[in-house]
Amino acid sequence: MAAVQRLRKEAGTVMEAIKAIAGLRRINLEGLRWRVFDAKGQVLGRLASQISTVIQGKDKPTYAPYRDDGDMCIVLNAKDVCVTGRKLTDKYVGHLKERSLKDQLAKDPTEVIRKAVMRMLPRNKLRDDRDRKLRIFSGNEHPFGDRPVEPYVMPPRQVRELRPRVRRAMIRAQKKAEQQKLGATYTRKSKKKEEDKAEEVSA
């Protein structure tokens, strides 16, 4: 039984290795860079938009919509990608797509990033070639160590400054939360004072 499991595991790793390098012969790699994206802790949509920009070659001054000048993209740590809000559990499942994001991340996290990137690309004849340039791995390792890879630095998120009303509301909410934490002792004291005053008035 253990031997069968070992053989299955080895077969799985061999298939993963074959998948990783499949279709590279059909790509003209001359002059292309190998860009490495680390998906750990990154928001899915923001990461996918950056990958789609690089894979189309829009970050190059030589970009033309009819030419495929995009670089090779290697995405690592696909299993550690993040989503904002409660999309992981509560996102609406439409039509017959019955698998939630949480289930898909458990089954195959690479498919989540692939679909997010591919749906940001234009639907034209260059789409399949761009799909071949995208290599996604759920772990931290990739089989392209012999290539001159360049790590891609994600741009910082630009957080908009809060409006005065929103800022005041947040300050009020923080003060209210602090008062609720300390409120148990204060309310008891204030109740005692009120009771004492009521007794004095009645006397």
C-alpha atoms as a PDB file:
ATOM      1  CA  MET A   1       0.000   0.000   0.000  1.00  0.00           C
ATOM      2  CA  ALA A   2       2.809   2.388   0.912  1.00  0.00           C
ATOM      3  CA  ALA A   3       4.599   1.550  -2.341  1.00  0.00           C
ATOM      4  CA  VAL A   4       1.465   2.378  -4.352  1.00  0.00           C
ATOM      5  CA  GLN A   5       1.099   5.723  -2.563  1.00  0.00           C
ATOM      6  CA  ARG A   6       4.777   6.500  -3.196  1.00  0.00           C
ATOM      7  CA  LEU A   7       4.400   5.666  -6.891  1.00  0.00           C
ATOM      8  CA  ARG A   8       1.304   7.875  -7.123  1.00  0.00           C
ATOM      9  CA  LYS A   9       3.162  10.726  -5.433  1.00  0.00           C
ATOM     10  CA  GLU A  10       6.135  10.347  -7.783  1.00  0.00           C
ATOM     11  CA  ALA A  11       3.796  10.209 -10.780  1.00  0.00           C
ATOM     12  CA  GLY A  12       2.111  13.391  -9.527  1.00  0.00           C
ATOM     13  CA  THR A  13       5.416  15.238  -9.215  1.00  0.00           C
ATOM     14  CA  VAL A  14       6.506  14.024 -12.681  1.00  0.00           C
ATOM     15  CA  MET A  15       3.222  15.250 -14.180  1.00  0.00           C
ATOM     16  CA  GLU A  16       3.637  18.609 -12.436  1.00  0.00           C
ATOM     17  CA  ALA A  17       7.161  18.919 -13.871  1.00  0.00           C
ATOM     18  CA  ILE A  18       5.916  18.045 -17.366  1.00  0.00           C
ATOM     19  CA  LYS A  19       3.082  20.585 -17.047  1.00  0.00           C
ATOM     20  CA  ALA A  20       5.537  23.256 -15.893  1.00  0.00           C
ATOM     21  CA  ILE A  21       7.679  23.068 -19.039  1.00  0.00           C
ATOM     22  CA  ALA A  22       4.926  22.094 -21.505  1.00  0.00           C
ATOM     23  CA  GLY A  23       4.484  24.342 -24.526  1.00  0.00           C
ATOM     24  CA  LEU A  24       7.740  26.285 -24.065  1.00  0.00           C
ATOM     25  CA  ARG A  25       9.031  25.162 -27.470  1.00  0.00           C
ATOM     26  CA  ARG A  26       6.166  26.999 -29.159  1.00  0.00           C
ATOM     27  CA  ILE A  27       7.196  30.324 -27.582  1.00  0.00           C
ATOM     28  CA  ASN A  28       9.938  32.484 -29.042  1.00  0.00           C
ATOM     29  CA  LEU A  29      11.905  33.145 -25.827  1.00  0.00           C
ATOM     30  CA  GLU A  30      14.491  35.396 -27.466  1.00  0.00           C
ATOM     31  CA  GLY A  31      14.641  38.782 -25.734  1.00  0.00           C
ATOM     32  CA  LEU A  32      12.030  37.878 -23.120  1.00  0.00           C
ATOM     33  CA  ARG A  33      12.544  38.331 -19.394  1.00  0.00           C
ATOM     34  CA  TRP A  34      11.485  35.766 -16.799  1.00  0.00           C
ATOM     35  CA  ARG A  35       9.507  37.660 -14.154  1.00  0.00           C
ATOM     36  CA  VAL A  36       8.792  36.023 -10.784  1.00  0.00           C
ATOM     37  CA  PHE A  37       5.664  37.042  -8.823  1.00  0.00           C
ATOM     38  CA  ASP A  38       5.241  36.048  -5.180  1.00  0.00           C
ATOM     39  CA  ALA A  39       1.507  35.653  -4.483  1.00  0.00           C
ATOM     40  CA  LYS A  40       1.944  35.269  -0.722  1.00  0.00           C
ATOM     41  CA  GLY A  41      -0.319  37.796   1.035  1.00  0.00           C
ATOM     42  CA  GLN A  42      -1.225  39.573  -2.231  1.00  0.00           C
ATOM     43  CA  VAL A  43      -4.814  40.503  -3.117  1.00  0.00           C
ATOM     44  CA  LEU A  44      -5.975  38.298  -6.004  1.00  0.00           C
ATOM     45  CA  GLY A  45      -7.361  41.009  -8.300  1.00  0.00           C
ATOM     46  CA  ARG A  46      -4.456  43.419  -7.828  1.00  0.00           C
ATOM     47  CA  LEU A  47      -1.934  40.650  -8.464  1.00  0.00           C
ATOM     48  CA  ALA A  48      -3.804  39.456 -11.570  1.00  0.00           C
ATOM     49  CA  SER A  49      -3.913  42.984 -13.026  1.00  0.00           C
ATOM     50  CA  GLN A  50      -0.127  43.349 -12.629  1.00  0.00           C
ATOM     51  CA  ILE A  51       0.488  39.922 -14.210  1.00  0.00           C
ATOM     52  CA  SER A  52      -1.813  40.719 -17.150  1.00  0.00           C
ATOM     53  CA  THR A  53       0.063  44.003 -17.728  1.00  0.00           C
ATOM     54  CA  VAL A  54       3.436  42.217 -17.830  1.00  0.00           C
ATOM     55  CA  ILE A  55       2.188  39.255 -19.901  1.00  0.00           C
ATOM     56  CA  GLN A  56       0.813  41.638 -22.573  1.00  0.00           C
ATOM     57  CA  GLY A  57       4.036  43.684 -22.587  1.00  0.00           C
ATOM     58  CA  LYS A  58       2.234  46.886 -21.593  1.00  0.00           C
ATOM     59  CA  ASP A  59       5.099  47.803 -19.255  1.00  0.00           C
ATOM     60  CA  LYS A  60       7.457  48.111 -22.261  1.00  0.00           C
ATOM     61  CA  PRO A  61       7.838  51.170 -24.499  1.00  0.00           C
ATOM     62  CA  THR A  62       7.641  48.866 -27.556  1.00  0.00           C
ATOM     63  CA  TYR A  63       4.087  47.693 -26.763  1.00  0.00           C
ATOM     64  CA  ALA A  64       1.698  47.218 -29.663  1.00  0.00           C
ATOM     65  CA  PRO A  65      -1.710  45.522 -29.338  1.00  0.00           C
ATOM     66  CA  TYR A  66      -1.108  43.308 -32.412  1.00  0.00           C
ATOM     67  CA  ARG A  67       2.306  42.032 -31.239  1.00  0.00           C
ATOM     68  CA  ASP A  68       3.048  39.539 -28.454  1.00  0.00           C
ATOM     69  CA  ASP A  69       6.017  41.110 -26.637  1.00  0.00           C
ATOM     70  CA  GLY A  70       5.050  40.125 -23.098  1.00  0.00           C
ATOM     71  CA  ASP A  71       7.517  38.528 -20.698  1.00  0.00           C
ATOM     72  CA  MET A  72       7.358  35.057 -19.149  1.00  0.00           C
ATOM     73  CA  CYS A  73       5.580  35.158 -15.775  1.00  0.00           C
ATOM     74  CA  ILE A  74       6.271  32.690 -12.954  1.00  0.00           C
ATOM     75  CA  VAL A  75       3.842  32.901 -10.029  1.00  0.00           C
ATOM     76  CA  LEU A  76       4.846  31.285  -6.723  1.00  0.00           C
ATOM     77  CA  ASN A  77       2.876  30.566  -3.514  1.00  0.00           C
ATOM     78  CA  ALA A  78      -0.505  30.477  -5.267  1.00  0.00           C
ATOM     79  CA  LYS A  79      -2.021  28.750  -2.236  1.00  0.00           C
ATOM     80  CA  ASP A  80      -1.308  31.826  -0.057  1.00  0.00           C
ATOM     81  CA  VAL A  81      -3.151  34.390  -2.196  1.00  0.00           C
ATOM     82  CA  CYS A  82      -5.664  36.632  -0.362  1.00  0.00           C
ATOM     83  CA  VAL A  83      -9.054  38.121  -1.151  1.00  0.00           C
ATOM     84  CA  THR A  84     -10.686  41.122   0.496  1.00  0.00           C
ATOM     85  CA  GLY A  85     -13.913  41.071   2.450  1.00  0.00           C
ATOM     86  CA  ARG A  86     -15.812  37.791   2.851  1.00  0.00           C
ATOM     87  CA  LYS A  87     -15.392  36.569  -0.731  1.00  0.00           C
ATOM     88  CA  LEU A  88     -13.700  33.386   0.440  1.00  0.00           C
ATOM     89  CA  THR A  89     -16.867  32.016   2.053  1.00  0.00           C
ATOM     90  CA  ASP A  90     -19.824  34.251   1.153  1.00  0.00           C
ATOM     91  CA  LYS A  91     -19.256  35.142  -2.503  1.00  0.00           C
ATOM     92  CA  TYR A  92     -22.371  34.452  -4.579  1.00  0.00           C
ATOM     93  CA  VAL A  93     -22.156  31.338  -6.761  1.00  0.00           C
ATOM     94  CA  GLY A  94     -23.865  32.064 -10.073  1.00  0.00           C
ATOM     95  CA  HIS A  95     -25.502  29.639 -12.522  1.00  0.00           C
ATOM     96  CA  LEU A  96     -23.956  26.138 -12.450  1.00  0.00           C
ATOM     97  CA  LYS A  97     -20.511  27.064 -11.098  1.00  0.00           C
ATOM     98  CA  GLU A  98     -21.014  25.204  -7.864  1.00  0.00           C
ATOM     99  CA  ARG A  99     -17.516  25.388  -6.380  1.00  0.00           C
ATOM    100  CA  SER A 100     -16.781  28.288  -4.037  1.00  0.00           C
ATOM    101  CA  LEU A 101     -13.447  30.101  -3.923  1.00  0.00           C
ATOM    102  CA  LYS A 102     -12.532  28.368  -0.674  1.00  0.00           C
ATOM    103  CA  ASP A 103     -13.113  24.917  -2.199  1.00  0.00           C
ATOM    104  CA  GLN A 104     -11.174  25.810  -5.356  1.00  0.00           C
ATOM    105  CA  LEU A 105      -8.207  27.075  -3.319  1.00  0.00           C
ATOM    106  CA  ALA A 106      -8.208  23.770  -1.438  1.00  0.00           C
ATOM    107  CA  LYS A 107      -8.421  21.725  -4.662  1.00  0.00           C
ATOM    108  CA  ASP A 108      -6.158  23.649  -7.077  1.00  0.00           C
ATOM    109  CA  PRO A 109      -5.016  27.172  -6.081  1.00  0.00           C
ATOM    110  CA  THR A 110      -3.182  27.698  -9.383  1.00  0.00           C
ATOM    111  CA  GLU A 111      -6.484  27.718 -11.299  1.00  0.00           C
ATOM    112  CA  VAL A 112      -7.761  30.672  -9.240  1.00  0.00           C
ATOM    113  CA  ILE A 113      -4.899  32.933 -10.362  1.00  0.00           C
ATOM    114  CA  ARG A 114      -4.978  31.587 -13.933  1.00  0.00           C
ATOM    115  CA  LYS A 115      -8.674  32.416 -14.353  1.00  0.00           C
ATOM    116  CA  ALA A 116      -8.246  35.856 -12.770  1.00  0.00           C
ATOM    117  CA  VAL A 117      -5.398  36.717 -15.177  1.00  0.00           C
ATOM    118  CA  MET A 118      -6.959  35.198 -18.301  1.00  0.00           C
ATOM    119  CA  ARG A 119     -10.217  37.086 -17.768  1.00  0.00           C
ATOM    120  CA  MET A 120      -8.240  40.345 -17.758  1.00  0.00           C
ATOM    121  CA  LEU A 121      -6.651  39.619 -21.154  1.00  0.00           C
ATOM    122  CA  PRO A 122      -8.259  40.636 -24.461  1.00  0.00           C
ATOM    123  CA  ARG A 123     -10.100  37.889 -26.383  1.00  0.00           C
ATOM    124  CA  ASN A 124      -7.975  37.680 -29.531  1.00  0.00           C
ATOM    125  CA  LYS A 125      -5.539  35.343 -31.339  1.00  0.00           C
ATOM    126  CA  LEU A 126      -2.673  36.190 -28.971  1.00  0.00           C
ATOM    127  CA  ARG A 127      -4.596  34.850 -25.975  1.00  0.00           C
ATOM    128  CA  ASP A 128      -3.314  31.242 -26.205  1.00  0.00           C
ATOM    129  CA  ASP A 129       0.315  32.355 -26.559  1.00  0.00           C
ATOM    130  CA  ARG A 130      -0.046  34.577 -23.511  1.00  0.00           C
ATOM    131  CA  ASP A 131      -1.578  31.689 -21.584  1.00  0.00           C
ATOM    132  CA  ARG A 132       1.525  29.601 -22.352  1.00  0.00           C
ATOM    133  CA  LYS A 133       3.721  32.333 -20.891  1.00  0.00           C
ATOM    134  CA  LEU A 134       1.992  32.086 -17.515  1.00  0.00           C
ATOM    135  CA  ARG A 135       3.460  29.436 -15.182  1.00  0.00           C
ATOM    136  CA  ILE A 136       1.815  29.168 -11.749  1.00  0.00           C
ATOM    137  CA  PHE A 137       3.020  27.048  -8.819  1.00  0.00           C
ATOM    138  CA  SER A 138       1.273  26.508  -5.500  1.00  0.00           C
ATOM    139  CA  GLY A 139       4.564  26.255  -3.588  1.00  0.00           C
ATOM    140  CA  ASN A 140       7.742  28.305  -3.310  1.00  0.00           C
ATOM    141  CA  GLU A 141       9.801  26.366  -5.897  1.00  0.00           C
ATOM    142  CA  HIS A 142       9.879  26.393  -9.696  1.00  0.00           C
ATOM    143  CA  PRO A 143      11.887  24.403 -12.285  1.00  0.00           C
ATOM    144  CA  PHE A 144      13.315  27.474 -14.045  1.00  0.00           C
ATOM    145  CA  GLY A 145      16.360  27.968 -11.824  1.00  0.00           C
ATOM    146  CA  ASP A 146      18.685  27.886 -14.847  1.00  0.00           C
ATOM    147  CA  ARG A 147      16.938  30.931 -16.372  1.00  0.00           C
ATOM    148  CA  PRO A 148      17.873  34.539 -15.499  1.00  0.00           C
ATOM    149  CA  VAL A 149      14.756  35.270 -13.425  1.00  0.00           C
ATOM    150  CA  GLU A 150      13.871  38.749 -12.127  1.00  0.00           C
ATOM    151  CA  PRO A 151      11.663  39.146  -9.032  1.00  0.00           C
ATOM    152  CA  TYR A 152       8.727  41.498  -9.683  1.00  0.00           C
ATOM    153  CA  VAL A 153       8.120  44.127  -7.003  1.00  0.00           C
ATOM    154  CA  MET A 154       4.433  44.873  -6.537  1.00  0.00           C
ATOM    155  CA  PRO A 155       3.654  48.621  -6.425  1.00  0.00           C
ATOM    156  CA  PRO A 156       2.473  49.880  -3.020  1.00  0.00           C
ATOM    157  CA  ARG A 157      -1.257  50.283  -2.508  1.00  0.00           C
ATOM    158  CA  GLN A 158      -2.372  53.904  -2.677  1.00  0.00           C
ATOM    159  CA  VAL A 159      -4.698  54.464   0.246  1.00  0.00           C
ATOM    160  CA  ARG A 160      -6.929  57.485  -0.271  1.00  0.00           C
ATOM    161  CA  GLU A 161      -7.017  60.035   2.544  1.00  0.00           C
ATOM    162  CA  LEU A 162     -10.212  59.867   4.562  1.00  0.00           C
ATOM    163  CA  ARG A 163     -12.787  62.640   4.326  1.00  0.00           C
ATOM    164  CA  PRO A 164     -13.236  64.725   7.504  1.00  0.00           C
ATOM    165  CA  ARG A 165     -16.677  63.258   8.291  1.00  0.00           C
ATOM    166  CA  VAL A 166     -15.421  59.692   7.928  1.00  0.00           C
ATOM    167  CA  ARG A 167     -12.342  60.477  10.026  1.00  0.00           C
ATOM    168  CA  ARG A 168     -14.515  61.966  12.795  1.00  0.00           C
ATOM    169  CA  ALA A 169     -16.827  58.946  12.680  1.00  0.00           C
ATOM    170  CA  MET A 170     -13.847  56.588  13.013  1.00  0.00           C
ATOM    171  CA  ILE A 171     -12.493  58.564  15.987  1.00  0.00           C
ATOM    172  CA  ARG A 172     -15.935  58.434  17.638  1.00  0.00           C
ATOM    173  CA  ALA A 173     -16.144  54.681  17.049  1.00  0.00           C
ATOM    174  CA  GLN A 174     -12.672  54.160  18.565  1.00  0.00           C
ATOM    175  CA  LYS A 175     -13.603  56.238  21.616  1.00  0.00           C
ATOM    176  CA  LYS A 176     -16.841  54.319  21.987  1.00  0.00           C
ATOM    177  CA  ALA A 177     -14.988  50.996  21.817  1.00  0.00           C
ATOM    178  CA  GLU A 178     -12.511  52.180  24.466  1.00  0.00           C
ATOM    179  CA  GLN A 179     -15.382  53.315  26.691  1.00  0.00           C
ATOM    180  CA  GLN A 180     -17.082  49.945  26.288  1.00  0.00           C
ATOM    181  CA  LYS A 181     -13.869  48.196  27.358  1.00  0.00           C
ATOM    182  CA  LEU A 182     -13.579  50.357  30.466  1.00  0.00           C
ATOM    183  CA  GLY A 183     -17.331  50.864  30.748  1.00  0.00           C
ATOM    184  CA  ALA A 184     -18.162  48.107  33.218  1.00  0.00           C
ATOM    185  CA  THR A 185     -16.403  49.826  36.154  1.00  0.00           C
ATOM    186  CA  TYR A 186     -17.572  53.325  35.199  1.00  0.00           C
ATOM    187  CA  THR A 187     -21.209  52.297  34.802  1.00  0.00           C
ATOM    188  CA  ARG A 188     -21.212  50.663  38.222  1.00  0.00           C
ATOM    189  CA  LYS A 189     -19.759  53.817  39.806  1.00  0.00           C
ATOM    190  CA  SER A 190     -22.200  56.072  37.977  1.00  0.00           C
ATOM    191  CA  LYS A 191     -25.142  53.850  39.007  1.00  0.00           C
ATOM    192  CA  LYS A 192     -23.994  54.035  42.651  1.00  0.00           C
ATOM    193  CA  LYS A 193     -23.768  57.826  42.469  1.00  0.00           C
ATOM    194  CA  GLU A 194     -27.261  58.036  40.986  1.00  0.00           C
ATOM    195  CA  GLU A 195     -28.633  55.742  43.697  1.00  0.00           C
ATOM    196  CA  ASP A 196     -26.928  57.832  46.430  1.00  0.00           C
ATOM    197  CA  LYS A 197     -28.375  61.034  44.953  1.00  0.00           C
ATOM    198  CA  ALA A 198     -31.839  59.481  44.807  1.00  0.00           C
ATOM    199  CA  GLU A 199     -31.562  58.437  48.482  1.00  0.00           C
ATOM    200  CA  GLU A 200     -30.461  61.975  49.496  1.00  0.00           C
ATOM    201  CA  VAL A 201     -33.389  63.517  47.624  1.00  0.00           C
ATOM    202  CA  SER A 202     -35.900  61.101  49.173  1.00  0.00           C
ATOM    203  CA  ALA A 203     -34.462  61.754  52.666  1.00  0.00           C
END
